[in-house]
Each structure stands twice: as structure tokens, then as C-alpha cells.
Amino acid sequence: MNLQQLKASYETMWASCTITPSRLEEVSEVATRLVEQKAKLAYIALSKLTSVPWFVIAVIHEREASQHWWANIANGEPFNRITKMVPRGRGPFHSWQDAGVDALKNCPPFMAKNQDWSAGGALMHLVQYNGLAYEFHHNEWSPYVWAATNHEERGKYVTDGHYDPRVWDMQLGCAAMLKSMSQLDADVKF
């Protein structure tokens, strides 16, 4: 599989994606919290600086940092320290926004350079943000994108470089959050 095939697969999967019924309330609560932050403009401001849609930034922020404003969206570490996890050696930064600009512009997959914000394109870039090892080394769909949906599979990187095939990802996947957010805010669209 190459990136174009992955994008096409993700486009098809997005169209058939449903949130796991047992996690529907949890996904809805998180989506509501993420959409509410739109009004506070932090995601909008970072979007203007990077051209990454605010709702993509929001799900990255939740996935990487549990929406903590003291944390770097690159990996969830405090933004005012030099990062030790991948991407290593970033920072320290003066603000959440400065760390976000660095993560989206200067770190792989360089999301700020992305021009394709279709469903397949956005989800492909989100999986690249986390890494392609699930699809290319474990022959499964990434829980970073698909956790809490009908496309989730068992297996998770529990730390950088350490994969456990027995683990179910208990974090919410980006697709589940985006599906729920799109029901709350008409601006969440591809």
C-alpha cells in the first residue's frame, strides 16, 4: 500500500464510519468540549498561522495532549521544556500556540504544507502525524484515527516504538471525534 491507496481507503472508510455504540456518550462529550473551544479562538488562531483546519488541530490536541493547554500538540509534553519523546529536541516554547506552529510546520508530516483537506486527505495526514507503522508494519488500521469506530482493530503502540498486539486503544480516534463534531458544528466538513 502506498499513500495514495491509503488516502483512497480512508476516504471509503470515512463514508462508512460509525462510532462504537458503547462509546457514543464519551465521544459526544469530548466532541462538545472540542467544539466549545472554537469560540475561544485558540484553534482558529493556530489554523490561521498554519492553514490546518481548526477541527483537525482540535482532534490532534485531544489525542496528543488530552486538550491540556500546557502541553505541546506534538507529543503531549509540556511546551515550556525540550521534548524527550518523538519529535525529540523541540522547544522550549513560550506558548501553546508557538509549540503548535512548530509541530504543524516544522515536524513530520509537515501538516501546514498539506493542500488536501478532503476526508481521505485529512485522515491520511492525521495517521502520518502519529506514524504509519500500523498500516505498513502491522497490516492494521491505526487506532489513532479509527479507535472508537467500527474500523478499530486490536493493537496499539503503548510507548514510542513499543507495539502491543493485545491492547485496545482507549483513547478516542480522530475519526470518531470528527464524526461527532460534524454533528455539532456545520464548519466541521471536508
N, C-alpha and C. Protein backbone atom coordinates (compact mmCIF):
# COMPACT_ATOMS: atom_id res chain seq x y z
N MET A 1 0.85 -1.18 0.00
CA MET A 1 0.00 0.00 0.00
C MET A 1 0.89 1.24 0.00
N ASN A 2 0.53 2.22 -0.81
CA ASN A 2 1.24 3.50 -0.80
C ASN A 2 0.30 4.57 -0.25
N LEU A 3 0.77 5.81 -0.17
CA LEU A 3 -0.03 6.87 0.45
C LEU A 3 -1.31 7.18 -0.33
N GLN A 4 -1.27 7.11 -1.65
CA GLN A 4 -2.48 7.35 -2.44
C GLN A 4 -3.52 6.26 -2.18
N GLN A 5 -3.08 5.03 -2.08
CA GLN A 5 -4.00 3.93 -1.77
C GLN A 5 -4.56 4.09 -0.35
N LEU A 6 -3.71 4.51 0.57
CA LEU A 6 -4.16 4.74 1.94
C LEU A 6 -5.21 5.84 1.98
N LYS A 7 -4.97 6.92 1.26
CA LYS A 7 -5.93 8.02 1.19
C LYS A 7 -7.27 7.51 0.64
N ALA A 8 -7.24 6.75 -0.43
CA ALA A 8 -8.47 6.22 -1.03
C ALA A 8 -9.19 5.30 -0.04
N SER A 9 -8.44 4.46 0.66
CA SER A 9 -9.05 3.57 1.66
C SER A 9 -9.70 4.38 2.77
N TYR A 10 -9.00 5.41 3.23
CA TYR A 10 -9.54 6.24 4.31
C TYR A 10 -10.77 7.01 3.86
N GLU A 11 -10.81 7.44 2.62
CA GLU A 11 -11.99 8.13 2.08
C GLU A 11 -13.20 7.20 2.14
N THR A 12 -13.01 5.96 1.71
CA THR A 12 -14.09 4.97 1.74
C THR A 12 -14.49 4.64 3.17
N MET A 13 -13.50 4.48 4.03
CA MET A 13 -13.78 4.14 5.42
C MET A 13 -14.52 5.27 6.13
N TRP A 14 -14.17 6.51 5.81
CA TRP A 14 -14.86 7.66 6.41
C TRP A 14 -16.35 7.61 6.09
N ALA A 15 -16.66 7.28 4.84
CA ALA A 15 -18.06 7.24 4.41
C ALA A 15 -18.86 6.17 5.17
N SER A 16 -18.21 5.09 5.56
CA SER A 16 -18.92 4.01 6.27
C SER A 16 -18.65 4.02 7.77
N CYS A 17 -17.93 5.00 8.26
CA CYS A 17 -17.52 5.05 9.67
C CYS A 17 -18.71 5.35 10.58
N THR A 18 -18.81 4.55 11.63
CA THR A 18 -19.78 4.79 12.69
C THR A 18 -19.06 4.71 14.03
N ILE A 19 -19.57 5.44 14.98
CA ILE A 19 -18.99 5.43 16.32
C ILE A 19 -19.47 4.18 17.06
N THR A 20 -18.57 3.53 17.76
CA THR A 20 -18.90 2.34 18.55
C THR A 20 -20.00 2.71 19.54
N PRO A 21 -21.13 2.02 19.50
CA PRO A 21 -22.27 2.39 20.36
C PRO A 21 -21.92 2.54 21.84
N SER A 22 -21.08 1.67 22.37
CA SER A 22 -20.74 1.74 23.80
C SER A 22 -19.89 2.97 24.14
N ARG A 23 -19.37 3.64 23.13
CA ARG A 23 -18.51 4.80 23.38
C ARG A 23 -19.16 6.10 22.90
N LEU A 24 -20.39 6.02 22.44
CA LEU A 24 -21.08 7.16 21.86
C LEU A 24 -21.17 8.35 22.82
N GLU A 25 -21.53 8.12 24.06
CA GLU A 25 -21.65 9.21 25.04
C GLU A 25 -20.29 9.86 25.30
N GLU A 26 -19.26 9.06 25.46
CA GLU A 26 -17.90 9.57 25.68
C GLU A 26 -17.45 10.42 24.49
N VAL A 27 -17.65 9.92 23.29
CA VAL A 27 -17.26 10.66 22.09
C VAL A 27 -18.02 11.97 22.00
N SER A 28 -19.30 11.94 22.29
CA SER A 28 -20.13 13.14 22.24
C SER A 28 -19.66 14.19 23.24
N GLU A 29 -19.31 13.76 24.44
CA GLU A 29 -18.81 14.71 25.46
C GLU A 29 -17.51 15.37 25.02
N VAL A 30 -16.59 14.59 24.48
CA VAL A 30 -15.31 15.14 24.03
C VAL A 30 -15.54 16.06 22.83
N ALA A 31 -16.36 15.64 21.89
CA ALA A 31 -16.64 16.47 20.71
C ALA A 31 -17.25 17.81 21.12
N THR A 32 -18.15 17.78 22.07
CA THR A 32 -18.76 19.02 22.56
C THR A 32 -17.71 19.93 23.17
N ARG A 33 -16.83 19.37 23.97
CA ARG A 33 -15.75 20.16 24.59
C ARG A 33 -14.83 20.76 23.52
N LEU A 34 -14.50 19.99 22.50
CA LEU A 34 -13.62 20.49 21.43
C LEU A 34 -14.30 21.60 20.64
N VAL A 35 -15.57 21.42 20.30
CA VAL A 35 -16.30 22.44 19.54
C VAL A 35 -16.46 23.71 20.37
N GLU A 36 -16.68 23.57 21.67
CA GLU A 36 -16.81 24.75 22.52
C GLU A 36 -15.55 25.60 22.51
N GLN A 37 -14.39 24.97 22.35
CA GLN A 37 -13.14 25.72 22.32
C GLN A 37 -13.00 26.58 21.07
N LYS A 38 -13.73 26.26 20.04
CA LYS A 38 -13.69 27.07 18.81
C LYS A 38 -14.00 28.54 19.14
N ALA A 39 -14.98 28.76 19.99
CA ALA A 39 -15.39 30.12 20.35
C ALA A 39 -14.29 30.88 21.10
N LYS A 40 -13.38 30.14 21.74
CA LYS A 40 -12.31 30.80 22.49
C LYS A 40 -11.12 31.15 21.59
N LEU A 41 -11.19 30.74 20.34
CA LEU A 41 -10.33 31.17 19.24
C LEU A 41 -8.91 30.61 19.21
N ALA A 42 -8.48 29.83 20.18
CA ALA A 42 -7.11 29.29 20.13
C ALA A 42 -6.91 28.41 18.89
N TYR A 43 -7.87 27.54 18.61
CA TYR A 43 -7.75 26.67 17.44
C TYR A 43 -7.84 27.48 16.15
N ILE A 44 -8.70 28.49 16.13
CA ILE A 44 -8.85 29.34 14.94
C ILE A 44 -7.54 30.11 14.70
N ALA A 45 -6.95 30.65 15.75
CA ALA A 45 -5.70 31.40 15.61
C ALA A 45 -4.59 30.51 15.08
N LEU A 46 -4.47 29.29 15.61
CA LEU A 46 -3.43 28.38 15.13
C LEU A 46 -3.72 27.95 13.69
N SER A 47 -4.98 27.80 13.36
CA SER A 47 -5.35 27.46 11.99
C SER A 47 -4.92 28.57 11.01
N LYS A 48 -5.11 29.81 11.40
CA LYS A 48 -4.72 30.94 10.54
C LYS A 48 -3.21 30.98 10.32
N LEU A 49 -2.45 30.56 11.31
CA LEU A 49 -0.99 30.57 11.20
C LEU A 49 -0.43 29.38 10.42
N THR A 50 -1.23 28.31 10.29
CA THR A 50 -0.71 27.07 9.70
C THR A 50 -1.50 26.55 8.51
N SER A 51 -2.69 27.05 8.29
CA SER A 51 -3.61 26.57 7.25
C SER A 51 -4.16 25.17 7.52
N VAL A 52 -3.97 24.66 8.71
CA VAL A 52 -4.55 23.38 9.11
C VAL A 52 -5.93 23.69 9.69
N PRO A 53 -6.99 23.01 9.23
CA PRO A 53 -8.33 23.31 9.75
C PRO A 53 -8.39 23.21 11.27
N TRP A 54 -9.17 24.13 11.86
CA TRP A 54 -9.25 24.20 13.33
C TRP A 54 -9.69 22.87 13.94
N PHE A 55 -10.58 22.16 13.27
CA PHE A 55 -11.10 20.91 13.83
C PHE A 55 -10.06 19.80 13.77
N VAL A 56 -9.15 19.84 12.81
CA VAL A 56 -8.04 18.88 12.76
C VAL A 56 -7.08 19.17 13.92
N ILE A 57 -6.81 20.46 14.15
CA ILE A 57 -5.97 20.85 15.29
C ILE A 57 -6.61 20.39 16.59
N ALA A 58 -7.92 20.54 16.70
CA ALA A 58 -8.62 20.16 17.93
C ALA A 58 -8.47 18.67 18.23
N VAL A 59 -8.64 17.82 17.21
CA VAL A 59 -8.53 16.38 17.49
C VAL A 59 -7.08 15.98 17.77
N ILE A 60 -6.12 16.64 17.14
CA ILE A 60 -4.71 16.39 17.48
C ILE A 60 -4.47 16.79 18.94
N HIS A 61 -4.97 17.94 19.33
CA HIS A 61 -4.78 18.41 20.70
C HIS A 61 -5.36 17.41 21.71
N GLU A 62 -6.54 16.88 21.40
CA GLU A 62 -7.14 15.88 22.29
C GLU A 62 -6.33 14.59 22.29
N ARG A 63 -5.98 14.14 21.12
CA ARG A 63 -5.30 12.85 21.01
C ARG A 63 -3.90 12.89 21.63
N GLU A 64 -3.16 13.96 21.37
CA GLU A 64 -1.78 14.05 21.86
C GLU A 64 -1.67 14.54 23.30
N ALA A 65 -2.62 15.40 23.72
CA ALA A 65 -2.42 16.10 24.99
C ALA A 65 -3.68 16.15 25.85
N SER A 66 -4.69 15.35 25.55
CA SER A 66 -5.94 15.36 26.31
C SER A 66 -6.47 16.79 26.49
N GLN A 67 -6.24 17.60 25.49
CA GLN A 67 -6.65 19.01 25.42
C GLN A 67 -6.08 19.85 26.56
N HIS A 68 -4.95 19.47 27.10
CA HIS A 68 -4.28 20.28 28.12
C HIS A 68 -3.56 21.43 27.42
N TRP A 69 -3.79 22.64 27.92
CA TRP A 69 -3.23 23.83 27.28
C TRP A 69 -1.77 24.07 27.65
N TRP A 70 -1.25 23.35 28.61
CA TRP A 70 0.17 23.45 28.97
C TRP A 70 1.01 22.47 28.14
N ALA A 71 0.35 21.65 27.31
CA ALA A 71 1.03 20.56 26.61
C ALA A 71 1.21 20.87 25.12
N ASN A 72 2.33 20.39 24.61
CA ASN A 72 2.68 20.53 23.20
C ASN A 72 1.84 19.55 22.38
N ILE A 73 1.21 20.04 21.30
CA ILE A 73 0.43 19.12 20.47
C ILE A 73 1.31 18.17 19.66
N ALA A 74 2.60 18.36 19.69
CA ALA A 74 3.49 17.43 19.00
C ALA A 74 3.50 16.07 19.68
N ASN A 75 3.41 16.06 21.04
CA ASN A 75 3.52 14.79 21.74
C ASN A 75 2.97 14.81 23.17
N GLY A 76 2.36 15.90 23.58
CA GLY A 76 1.76 15.97 24.90
C GLY A 76 2.68 16.38 26.03
N GLU A 77 3.95 16.57 25.75
CA GLU A 77 4.87 17.01 26.79
C GLU A 77 4.67 18.52 27.05
N PRO A 78 5.09 19.02 28.23
CA PRO A 78 4.96 20.46 28.48
C PRO A 78 5.68 21.27 27.39
N PHE A 79 5.00 22.30 26.87
CA PHE A 79 5.59 23.06 25.78
C PHE A 79 6.77 23.92 26.22
N ASN A 80 6.91 24.16 27.52
CA ASN A 80 8.00 25.02 28.01
C ASN A 80 9.27 24.24 28.33
N ARG A 81 9.34 22.99 27.85
CA ARG A 81 10.54 22.16 28.03
C ARG A 81 10.95 21.58 26.68
N ILE A 82 12.18 21.14 26.60
CA ILE A 82 12.65 20.45 25.39
C ILE A 82 12.03 19.06 25.39
N THR A 83 11.44 18.67 24.25
CA THR A 83 10.75 17.37 24.18
C THR A 83 11.74 16.21 24.23
N LYS A 84 11.31 15.15 24.92
CA LYS A 84 12.11 13.92 25.03
C LYS A 84 11.51 12.81 24.19
N MET A 85 10.19 12.88 23.92
CA MET A 85 9.53 11.89 23.08
C MET A 85 9.53 12.41 21.64
N VAL A 86 9.18 11.54 20.71
CA VAL A 86 9.13 11.91 19.30
C VAL A 86 8.02 12.93 19.09
N PRO A 87 8.32 14.05 18.44
CA PRO A 87 9.61 14.51 17.93
C PRO A 87 10.48 15.06 19.06
N ARG A 88 11.67 14.52 19.17
CA ARG A 88 12.61 14.87 20.23
C ARG A 88 13.32 16.19 19.93
N GLY A 89 13.69 16.86 21.03
CA GLY A 89 14.53 18.04 20.91
C GLY A 89 13.82 19.31 20.45
N ARG A 90 12.50 19.36 20.53
CA ARG A 90 11.74 20.55 20.13
C ARG A 90 11.52 21.42 21.37
N GLY A 91 11.60 22.72 21.17
CA GLY A 91 11.32 23.66 22.26
C GLY A 91 12.57 24.01 23.05
N PRO A 92 12.38 24.66 24.18
CA PRO A 92 11.12 25.05 24.78
C PRO A 92 10.44 26.19 24.03
N PHE A 93 9.13 26.33 24.23
CA PHE A 93 8.34 27.35 23.57
C PHE A 93 7.72 28.28 24.60
N HIS A 94 7.38 29.48 24.16
CA HIS A 94 6.79 30.48 25.05
C HIS A 94 5.29 30.27 25.27
N SER A 95 4.64 29.58 24.34
CA SER A 95 3.19 29.42 24.45
C SER A 95 2.73 28.14 23.75
N TRP A 96 1.49 27.76 24.05
CA TRP A 96 0.86 26.62 23.38
C TRP A 96 0.83 26.87 21.88
N GLN A 97 0.51 28.08 21.48
CA GLN A 97 0.43 28.41 20.05
C GLN A 97 1.79 28.29 19.37
N ASP A 98 2.84 28.79 20.00
CA ASP A 98 4.19 28.68 19.41
C ASP A 98 4.57 27.20 19.22
N ALA A 99 4.27 26.39 20.21
CA ALA A 99 4.56 24.95 20.10
C ALA A 99 3.73 24.33 18.99
N GLY A 100 2.48 24.75 18.85
CA GLY A 100 1.61 24.23 17.80
C GLY A 100 2.10 24.60 16.41
N VAL A 101 2.54 25.82 16.24
CA VAL A 101 3.09 26.24 14.95
C VAL A 101 4.29 25.37 14.60
N ASP A 102 5.17 25.15 15.55
CA ASP A 102 6.33 24.30 15.30
C ASP A 102 5.91 22.89 14.93
N ALA A 103 4.98 22.31 15.68
CA ALA A 103 4.54 20.93 15.41
C ALA A 103 3.94 20.80 14.02
N LEU A 104 3.14 21.76 13.61
CA LEU A 104 2.42 21.65 12.34
C LEU A 104 3.24 22.10 11.13
N LYS A 105 4.21 23.00 11.36
CA LYS A 105 5.02 23.49 10.24
C LYS A 105 6.37 22.79 10.12
N ASN A 106 7.00 22.46 11.24
CA ASN A 106 8.39 22.04 11.22
C ASN A 106 8.65 20.57 11.53
N CYS A 107 7.61 19.83 11.87
CA CYS A 107 7.77 18.42 12.22
C CYS A 107 6.98 17.56 11.23
N PRO A 108 7.53 16.39 10.89
CA PRO A 108 6.79 15.48 10.00
C PRO A 108 5.42 15.19 10.59
N PRO A 109 4.41 15.16 9.76
CA PRO A 109 4.36 15.16 8.30
C PRO A 109 4.21 16.56 7.69
N PHE A 110 4.59 17.61 8.43
CA PHE A 110 4.54 18.98 7.92
C PHE A 110 3.12 19.31 7.46
N MET A 111 2.18 19.16 8.38
CA MET A 111 0.76 19.31 8.05
C MET A 111 0.42 20.66 7.45
N ALA A 112 1.17 21.70 7.80
CA ALA A 112 0.88 23.03 7.27
C ALA A 112 1.09 23.10 5.75
N LYS A 113 1.83 22.16 5.20
CA LYS A 113 2.05 22.14 3.75
C LYS A 113 0.95 21.39 3.00
N ASN A 114 0.07 20.71 3.74
CA ASN A 114 -0.98 19.91 3.12
C ASN A 114 -1.99 20.80 2.42
N GLN A 115 -2.34 20.45 1.21
CA GLN A 115 -3.37 21.17 0.46
C GLN A 115 -4.66 20.36 0.35
N ASP A 116 -4.60 19.10 0.70
CA ASP A 116 -5.75 18.21 0.53
C ASP A 116 -6.44 17.98 1.87
N TRP A 117 -7.54 18.71 2.09
CA TRP A 117 -8.30 18.55 3.32
C TRP A 117 -9.62 17.84 3.06
N SER A 118 -9.61 16.94 2.05
CA SER A 118 -10.74 16.03 1.89
C SER A 118 -10.72 15.08 3.08
N ALA A 119 -11.77 14.30 3.25
CA ALA A 119 -11.79 13.35 4.36
C ALA A 119 -10.60 12.40 4.29
N GLY A 120 -10.38 11.81 3.12
CA GLY A 120 -9.25 10.88 2.97
C GLY A 120 -7.92 11.56 3.18
N GLY A 121 -7.76 12.77 2.63
CA GLY A 121 -6.51 13.51 2.79
C GLY A 121 -6.25 13.89 4.23
N ALA A 122 -7.26 14.40 4.93
CA ALA A 122 -7.09 14.80 6.33
C ALA A 122 -6.76 13.59 7.20
N LEU A 123 -7.50 12.49 7.02
CA LEU A 123 -7.25 11.31 7.84
C LEU A 123 -5.89 10.69 7.54
N MET A 124 -5.46 10.75 6.27
CA MET A 124 -4.14 10.24 5.93
C MET A 124 -3.06 11.08 6.62
N HIS A 125 -3.24 12.39 6.64
CA HIS A 125 -2.25 13.24 7.31
C HIS A 125 -2.29 13.06 8.83
N LEU A 126 -3.46 12.80 9.37
CA LEU A 126 -3.54 12.52 10.81
C LEU A 126 -2.80 11.23 11.16
N VAL A 127 -2.95 10.20 10.33
CA VAL A 127 -2.23 8.96 10.63
C VAL A 127 -0.73 9.17 10.45
N GLN A 128 -0.33 9.98 9.48
CA GLN A 128 1.10 10.27 9.32
C GLN A 128 1.63 11.06 10.52
N TYR A 129 0.79 11.91 11.09
CA TYR A 129 1.18 12.69 12.27
C TYR A 129 1.60 11.75 13.39
N ASN A 130 0.89 10.65 13.51
CA ASN A 130 1.20 9.67 14.55
C ASN A 130 2.21 8.63 14.09
N GLY A 131 2.22 8.34 12.80
CA GLY A 131 3.14 7.35 12.25
C GLY A 131 2.40 6.28 11.48
N LEU A 132 3.04 5.75 10.46
CA LEU A 132 2.42 4.80 9.54
C LEU A 132 2.70 3.34 9.88
N ALA A 133 3.23 3.08 11.05
CA ALA A 133 3.63 1.70 11.39
C ALA A 133 2.45 0.74 11.45
N TYR A 134 1.30 1.22 11.89
CA TYR A 134 0.14 0.31 11.94
C TYR A 134 -0.16 -0.24 10.56
N GLU A 135 -0.33 0.65 9.60
CA GLU A 135 -0.70 0.25 8.25
C GLU A 135 0.42 -0.49 7.53
N PHE A 136 1.65 -0.03 7.68
CA PHE A 136 2.75 -0.56 6.87
C PHE A 136 3.54 -1.67 7.53
N HIS A 137 3.48 -1.81 8.86
CA HIS A 137 4.25 -2.87 9.54
C HIS A 137 3.37 -3.91 10.23
N HIS A 138 2.15 -3.51 10.60
CA HIS A 138 1.28 -4.43 11.34
C HIS A 138 0.03 -4.81 10.56
N ASN A 139 -0.10 -4.26 9.36
CA ASN A 139 -1.22 -4.59 8.48
C ASN A 139 -2.57 -4.41 9.18
N GLU A 140 -2.74 -3.28 9.86
CA GLU A 140 -4.00 -2.95 10.51
C GLU A 140 -4.23 -1.45 10.41
N TRP A 141 -5.45 -1.04 10.67
CA TRP A 141 -5.80 0.38 10.64
C TRP A 141 -5.39 1.03 11.95
N SER A 142 -4.86 2.23 11.85
CA SER A 142 -4.35 2.93 13.02
C SER A 142 -5.45 3.31 14.01
N PRO A 143 -5.30 2.95 15.28
CA PRO A 143 -6.26 3.39 16.27
C PRO A 143 -6.21 4.91 16.50
N TYR A 144 -5.10 5.54 16.15
CA TYR A 144 -5.01 7.00 16.26
C TYR A 144 -6.16 7.64 15.49
N VAL A 145 -6.50 7.06 14.35
CA VAL A 145 -7.60 7.55 13.53
C VAL A 145 -8.90 6.82 13.86
N TRP A 146 -8.88 5.50 14.01
CA TRP A 146 -10.11 4.71 13.99
C TRP A 146 -10.60 4.19 15.34
N ALA A 147 -9.90 4.46 16.44
CA ALA A 147 -10.38 4.00 17.74
C ALA A 147 -11.78 4.55 18.02
N ALA A 148 -12.60 3.73 18.65
CA ALA A 148 -13.99 4.06 19.00
C ALA A 148 -14.90 4.12 17.78
N THR A 149 -14.49 3.45 16.68
CA THR A 149 -15.34 3.33 15.49
C THR A 149 -15.44 1.86 15.09
N ASN A 150 -16.29 1.62 14.11
CA ASN A 150 -16.44 0.27 13.57
C ASN A 150 -15.19 -0.22 12.83
N HIS A 151 -14.22 0.64 12.59
CA HIS A 151 -12.99 0.25 11.89
C HIS A 151 -11.81 -0.03 12.83
N GLU A 152 -12.03 0.07 14.13
CA GLU A 152 -10.95 -0.16 15.09
C GLU A 152 -10.53 -1.62 15.12
N GLU A 153 -9.23 -1.83 15.29
CA GLU A 153 -8.67 -3.17 15.43
C GLU A 153 -7.80 -3.21 16.69
N ARG A 154 -7.59 -4.40 17.21
CA ARG A 154 -6.75 -4.58 18.39
C ARG A 154 -5.29 -4.31 18.02
N GLY A 155 -4.55 -3.72 18.95
CA GLY A 155 -3.13 -3.42 18.78
C GLY A 155 -2.89 -1.93 18.96
N LYS A 156 -1.81 -1.60 19.69
CA LYS A 156 -1.50 -0.19 19.96
C LYS A 156 -0.03 -0.05 20.32
N TYR A 157 0.55 1.06 19.87
CA TYR A 157 1.87 1.45 20.36
C TYR A 157 1.63 2.08 21.73
N VAL A 158 2.09 1.40 22.77
CA VAL A 158 1.85 1.87 24.13
C VAL A 158 2.88 2.91 24.57
N THR A 159 4.05 2.92 23.94
CA THR A 159 5.06 3.96 24.08
C THR A 159 5.75 4.09 22.73
N ASP A 160 6.58 5.10 22.57
CA ASP A 160 7.31 5.25 21.30
C ASP A 160 8.06 3.97 20.99
N GLY A 161 7.75 3.37 19.85
CA GLY A 161 8.46 2.19 19.38
C GLY A 161 8.07 0.86 20.01
N HIS A 162 7.11 0.84 20.95
CA HIS A 162 6.73 -0.41 21.61
C HIS A 162 5.27 -0.73 21.31
N TYR A 163 5.07 -1.73 20.45
CA TYR A 163 3.75 -2.16 19.99
C TYR A 163 3.28 -3.36 20.79
N ASP A 164 2.03 -3.31 21.23
CA ASP A 164 1.42 -4.43 21.94
C ASP A 164 0.19 -4.87 21.16
N PRO A 165 0.22 -6.07 20.54
CA PRO A 165 -0.91 -6.51 19.71
C PRO A 165 -2.17 -6.86 20.50
N ARG A 166 -2.08 -6.92 21.82
CA ARG A 166 -3.23 -7.30 22.65
C ARG A 166 -4.05 -6.12 23.14
N VAL A 167 -3.53 -4.92 23.00
CA VAL A 167 -4.14 -3.74 23.60
C VAL A 167 -5.19 -3.11 22.68
N TRP A 168 -6.34 -2.75 23.27
CA TRP A 168 -7.34 -1.92 22.60
C TRP A 168 -7.03 -0.49 23.00
N ASP A 169 -7.04 0.41 22.04
CA ASP A 169 -6.77 1.82 22.31
C ASP A 169 -7.98 2.43 23.00
N MET A 170 -7.81 2.91 24.21
CA MET A 170 -8.92 3.50 24.95
C MET A 170 -9.04 5.00 24.72
N GLN A 171 -8.08 5.59 24.01
CA GLN A 171 -8.25 6.97 23.59
C GLN A 171 -9.25 6.99 22.43
N LEU A 172 -9.85 8.13 22.22
CA LEU A 172 -10.76 8.26 21.09
C LEU A 172 -9.97 8.51 19.82
N GLY A 173 -10.36 7.86 18.75
CA GLY A 173 -9.72 8.08 17.46
C GLY A 173 -10.19 9.39 16.83
N CYS A 174 -9.37 9.92 15.97
CA CYS A 174 -9.68 11.20 15.31
C CYS A 174 -10.96 11.12 14.51
N ALA A 175 -11.21 10.02 13.82
CA ALA A 175 -12.42 9.90 13.00
C ALA A 175 -13.68 9.94 13.87
N ALA A 176 -13.67 9.27 14.99
CA ALA A 176 -14.83 9.29 15.89
C ALA A 176 -15.10 10.71 16.37
N MET A 177 -14.05 11.41 16.77
CA MET A 177 -14.24 12.78 17.25
C MET A 177 -14.75 13.67 16.13
N LEU A 178 -14.17 13.54 14.93
CA LEU A 178 -14.59 14.37 13.81
C LEU A 178 -16.03 14.09 13.40
N LYS A 179 -16.44 12.81 13.40
CA LYS A 179 -17.83 12.47 13.08
C LYS A 179 -18.78 13.16 14.06
N SER A 180 -18.48 13.08 15.33
CA SER A 180 -19.35 13.68 16.33
C SER A 180 -19.29 15.20 16.26
N MET A 181 -18.13 15.77 16.05
CA MET A 181 -18.01 17.23 15.93
C MET A 181 -18.80 17.75 14.74
N SER A 182 -18.84 16.99 13.65
CA SER A 182 -19.55 17.43 12.45
C SER A 182 -21.05 17.52 12.68
N GLN A 183 -21.56 16.79 13.67
CA GLN A 183 -22.97 16.87 14.02
C GLN A 183 -23.27 18.09 14.89
N LEU A 184 -22.24 18.68 15.48
CA LEU A 184 -22.41 19.82 16.37
C LEU A 184 -22.11 21.16 15.71
N ASP A 185 -21.27 21.13 14.67
CA ASP A 185 -20.79 22.38 14.04
C ASP A 185 -20.71 22.17 12.54
N ALA A 186 -21.46 22.95 11.79
CA ALA A 186 -21.51 22.80 10.33
C ALA A 186 -20.17 23.12 9.66
N ASP A 187 -19.27 23.82 10.37
CA ASP A 187 -17.95 24.12 9.81
C ASP A 187 -17.02 22.91 9.78
N VAL A 188 -17.38 21.86 10.50
CA VAL A 188 -16.57 20.65 10.52
C VAL A 188 -16.99 19.82 9.31
N LYS A 189 -16.31 20.08 8.19
CA LYS A 189 -16.63 19.37 6.95
C LYS A 189 -15.39 19.31 6.09
N PHE A 190 -15.41 18.34 5.18
CA PHE A 190 -14.28 18.13 4.30
C PHE A 190 -14.65 18.53 2.89
